[in-house]
Amino acid sequence: DLGLAGEMSAPFVGKRVEVLGTSREELNGKRGIASDYDRDKCRYTVQLDSGQVVALRPANLQETDEPAPAKAPSSSGAASSWSSPSSEPATGPGGLPWPTVGLIVLGLAWFYQFFQGASPGGGGG
């Protein structure tokens, strides 16, 4: 069963992990999600809670049950839009919810259509 073999050789994928024993002291103790495993390099791709992405050996990771910290609203929504799906609703231009953006566009289209039909001089006979 290939699915089981894949899980057995990369047990941290999709799991919350803690970084331990690396030569980069600033990483030790940090937590994040192991999102992928590169079999050629024998490294996990880990997105740390800070947003930094690092490649780490399995020996430098330990699964943790500690939940991810609550995310504070960021000043730039674009920076975090590529990351994993969250429970926060997606926002459009200007930080407006997409349904609101849709209503504005619909209103503008109606407004444009309405005034396209009106003749400048009132027209007539």
C-alpha atoms as a PDB file:
ATOM      1  CA  ASP A   1       0.000   0.000   0.000  1.00  0.00           C
ATOM      2  CA  LEU A   2       1.781   3.141  -1.260  1.00  0.00           C
ATOM      3  CA  GLY A   3      -0.342   5.506   0.825  1.00  0.00           C
ATOM      4  CA  LEU A   4       0.732   3.799   4.026  1.00  0.00           C
ATOM      5  CA  ALA A   5       4.379   3.707   2.884  1.00  0.00           C
ATOM      6  CA  GLY A   6       4.215   7.451   2.192  1.00  0.00           C
ATOM      7  CA  GLU A   7       2.828   8.137   5.659  1.00  0.00           C
ATOM      8  CA  MET A   8       5.441   5.944   7.302  1.00  0.00           C
ATOM      9  CA  SER A   9       8.379   7.651   5.566  1.00  0.00           C
ATOM     10  CA  ALA A  10       7.091  11.202   6.155  1.00  0.00           C
ATOM     11  CA  PRO A  11       5.117  11.039   9.404  1.00  0.00           C
ATOM     12  CA  PHE A  12       5.269  14.783  10.133  1.00  0.00           C
ATOM     13  CA  VAL A  13       3.544  15.990   6.930  1.00  0.00           C
ATOM     14  CA  GLY A  14       0.428  17.952   7.859  1.00  0.00           C
ATOM     15  CA  LYS A  15       1.337  17.879  11.556  1.00  0.00           C
ATOM     16  CA  ARG A  16       2.231  20.607  14.022  1.00  0.00           C
ATOM     17  CA  VAL A  17       5.920  20.335  14.916  1.00  0.00           C
ATOM     18  CA  GLU A  18       8.580  21.912  17.130  1.00  0.00           C
ATOM     19  CA  VAL A  19      12.123  22.587  15.890  1.00  0.00           C
ATOM     20  CA  LEU A  20      14.888  21.033  18.032  1.00  0.00           C
ATOM     21  CA  GLY A  21      18.678  20.718  17.914  1.00  0.00           C
ATOM     22  CA  THR A  22      19.490  22.674  14.763  1.00  0.00           C
ATOM     23  CA  SER A  23      22.743  24.594  14.316  1.00  0.00           C
ATOM     24  CA  ARG A  24      20.589  27.690  13.796  1.00  0.00           C
ATOM     25  CA  GLU A  25      19.826  28.618  17.397  1.00  0.00           C
ATOM     26  CA  GLU A  26      17.143  31.144  16.383  1.00  0.00           C
ATOM     27  CA  LEU A  27      15.028  28.261  15.002  1.00  0.00           C
ATOM     28  CA  ASN A  28      15.245  25.969  18.027  1.00  0.00           C
ATOM     29  CA  GLY A  29      12.019  25.984  20.021  1.00  0.00           C
ATOM     30  CA  LYS A  30      10.006  27.498  17.141  1.00  0.00           C
ATOM     31  CA  ARG A  31       6.798  25.781  16.082  1.00  0.00           C
ATOM     32  CA  GLY A  32       4.979  25.416  12.794  1.00  0.00           C
ATOM     33  CA  ILE A  33       3.371  23.010  10.330  1.00  0.00           C
ATOM     34  CA  ALA A  34       5.328  20.459   8.291  1.00  0.00           C
ATOM     35  CA  SER A  35       3.732  20.937   4.893  1.00  0.00           C
ATOM     36  CA  ASP A  36       5.855  18.710   2.647  1.00  0.00           C
ATOM     37  CA  TYR A  37       8.743  16.234   2.566  1.00  0.00           C
ATOM     38  CA  ASP A  38      11.492  16.289  -0.078  1.00  0.00           C
ATOM     39  CA  ARG A  39      12.678  12.678  -0.384  1.00  0.00           C
ATOM     40  CA  ASP A  40      15.733  13.646  -2.484  1.00  0.00           C
ATOM     41  CA  LYS A  41      17.034  16.090   0.140  1.00  0.00           C
ATOM     42  CA  CYS A  42      15.574  14.221   3.136  1.00  0.00           C
ATOM     43  CA  ARG A  43      14.119  17.491   4.428  1.00  0.00           C
ATOM     44  CA  TYR A  44      10.692  18.630   5.588  1.00  0.00           C
ATOM     45  CA  THR A  45       9.331  21.968   4.429  1.00  0.00           C
ATOM     46  CA  VAL A  46       8.076  23.655   7.603  1.00  0.00           C
ATOM     47  CA  GLN A  47       6.099  26.882   7.720  1.00  0.00           C
ATOM     48  CA  LEU A  48       6.854  28.398  11.108  1.00  0.00           C
ATOM     49  CA  ASP A  49       4.223  30.357  13.042  1.00  0.00           C
ATOM     50  CA  SER A  50       6.183  33.518  12.121  1.00  0.00           C
ATOM     51  CA  GLY A  51       5.499  32.799   8.434  1.00  0.00           C
ATOM     52  CA  GLN A  52       9.128  31.848   7.703  1.00  0.00           C
ATOM     53  CA  VAL A  53       9.524  28.677   5.613  1.00  0.00           C
ATOM     54  CA  VAL A  54      12.492  26.410   6.369  1.00  0.00           C
ATOM     55  CA  ALA A  55      13.760  22.994   5.229  1.00  0.00           C
ATOM     56  CA  LEU A  56      14.664  20.730   8.149  1.00  0.00           C
ATOM     57  CA  ARG A  57      15.841  17.154   8.721  1.00  0.00           C
ATOM     58  CA  PRO A  58      13.424  14.763  10.446  1.00  0.00           C
ATOM     59  CA  ALA A  59      15.852  14.507  13.392  1.00  0.00           C
ATOM     60  CA  ASN A  60      15.285  18.229  14.074  1.00  0.00           C
ATOM     61  CA  LEU A  61      11.507  17.932  14.369  1.00  0.00           C
ATOM     62  CA  GLN A  62       9.212  16.708  17.100  1.00  0.00           C
ATOM     63  CA  GLU A  63       5.428  16.498  16.817  1.00  0.00           C
ATOM     64  CA  THR A  64       3.633  18.769  19.272  1.00  0.00           C
ATOM     65  CA  ASP A  65       0.031  18.943  20.441  1.00  0.00           C
ATOM     66  CA  GLU A  66       0.275  22.645  21.243  1.00  0.00           C
ATOM     67  CA  PRO A  67      -2.228  24.547  19.077  1.00  0.00           C
ATOM     68  CA  ALA A  68      -1.119  27.273  16.690  1.00  0.00           C
ATOM     69  CA  PRO A  69      -1.246  30.757  18.218  1.00  0.00           C
ATOM     70  CA  ALA A  70      -4.251  32.920  17.347  1.00  0.00           C
ATOM     71  CA  LYS A  71      -3.423  35.051  14.343  1.00  0.00           C
ATOM     72  CA  ALA A  72      -3.646  38.796  14.832  1.00  0.00           C
ATOM     73  CA  PRO A  73      -5.170  40.673  11.907  1.00  0.00           C
ATOM     74  CA  SER A  74      -2.334  41.651   9.604  1.00  0.00           C
ATOM     75  CA  SER A  75      -1.934  45.080   8.099  1.00  0.00           C
ATOM     76  CA  SER A  76      -1.326  43.584   4.659  1.00  0.00           C
ATOM     77  CA  GLY A  77      -3.782  40.853   3.741  1.00  0.00           C
ATOM     78  CA  ALA A  78      -1.864  40.083   0.543  1.00  0.00           C
ATOM     79  CA  ALA A  79       1.154  38.746   2.418  1.00  0.00           C
ATOM     80  CA  SER A  80      -0.778  35.918   4.031  1.00  0.00           C
ATOM     81  CA  SER A  81      -3.203  35.134   1.198  1.00  0.00           C
ATOM     82  CA  TRP A  82      -1.026  32.315  -0.191  1.00  0.00           C
ATOM     83  CA  SER A  83      -0.851  30.419   3.079  1.00  0.00           C
ATOM     84  CA  SER A  84      -3.078  27.589   4.185  1.00  0.00           C
ATOM     85  CA  PRO A  85      -6.846  28.140   4.309  1.00  0.00           C
ATOM     86  CA  SER A  86      -8.081  29.808   7.459  1.00  0.00           C
ATOM     87  CA  SER A  87     -11.419  30.402   9.098  1.00  0.00           C
ATOM     88  CA  GLU A  88     -11.156  34.114   8.316  1.00  0.00           C
ATOM     89  CA  PRO A  89     -13.294  35.221   5.357  1.00  0.00           C
ATOM     90  CA  ALA A  90     -11.431  36.222   2.195  1.00  0.00           C
ATOM     91  CA  THR A  91     -11.417  39.924   1.482  1.00  0.00           C
ATOM     92  CA  GLY A  92     -11.373  41.835  -1.766  1.00  0.00           C
ATOM     93  CA  PRO A  93     -10.048  45.283  -2.689  1.00  0.00           C
ATOM     94  CA  GLY A  94      -9.818  47.703   0.214  1.00  0.00           C
ATOM     95  CA  GLY A  95     -10.344  44.856   2.688  1.00  0.00           C
ATOM     96  CA  LEU A  96     -14.064  44.663   1.826  1.00  0.00           C
ATOM     97  CA  PRO A  97     -15.771  41.251   1.914  1.00  0.00           C
ATOM     98  CA  TRP A  98     -16.261  39.822  -1.588  1.00  0.00           C
ATOM     99  CA  PRO A  99     -20.092  39.894  -1.370  1.00  0.00           C
ATOM    100  CA  THR A 100     -19.894  43.644  -0.733  1.00  0.00           C
ATOM    101  CA  VAL A 101     -17.518  44.097  -3.680  1.00  0.00           C
ATOM    102  CA  GLY A 102     -19.996  42.163  -5.853  1.00  0.00           C
ATOM    103  CA  LEU A 103     -22.887  44.404  -4.814  1.00  0.00           C
ATOM    104  CA  ILE A 104     -20.865  47.535  -5.547  1.00  0.00           C
ATOM    105  CA  VAL A 105     -19.947  46.251  -9.014  1.00  0.00           C
ATOM    106  CA  LEU A 106     -23.574  45.345  -9.693  1.00  0.00           C
ATOM    107  CA  GLY A 107     -24.712  48.797  -8.579  1.00  0.00           C
ATOM    108  CA  LEU A 108     -22.141  50.509 -10.755  1.00  0.00           C
ATOM    109  CA  ALA A 109     -23.152  48.391 -13.754  1.00  0.00           C
ATOM    110  CA  TRP A 110     -26.798  49.305 -13.226  1.00  0.00           C
ATOM    111  CA  PHE A 111     -25.896  52.983 -12.817  1.00  0.00           C
ATOM    112  CA  TYR A 112     -23.855  52.901 -16.043  1.00  0.00           C
ATOM    113  CA  GLN A 113     -26.676  51.161 -17.952  1.00  0.00           C
ATOM    114  CA  PHE A 114     -29.248  53.606 -16.607  1.00  0.00           C
ATOM    115  CA  PHE A 115     -27.360  56.675 -17.774  1.00  0.00           C
ATOM    116  CA  GLN A 116     -26.397  55.142 -21.110  1.00  0.00           C
ATOM    117  CA  GLY A 117     -30.086  55.028 -21.970  1.00  0.00           C
ATOM    118  CA  ALA A 118     -30.776  58.681 -21.046  1.00  0.00           C
ATOM    119  CA  SER A 119     -30.314  61.135 -23.889  1.00  0.00           C
ATOM    120  CA  PRO A 120     -28.408  64.343 -23.059  1.00  0.00           C
ATOM    121  CA  GLY A 121     -31.023  66.817 -24.322  1.00  0.00           C
ATOM    122  CA  GLY A 122     -34.107  64.963 -23.309  1.00  0.00           C
ATOM    123  CA  GLY A 123     -34.653  64.253 -27.024  1.00  0.00           C
ATOM    124  CA  GLY A 124     -37.940  64.126 -28.753  1.00  0.00           C
ATOM    125  CA  GLY A 125     -39.560  65.674 -31.505  1.00  0.00           C
END
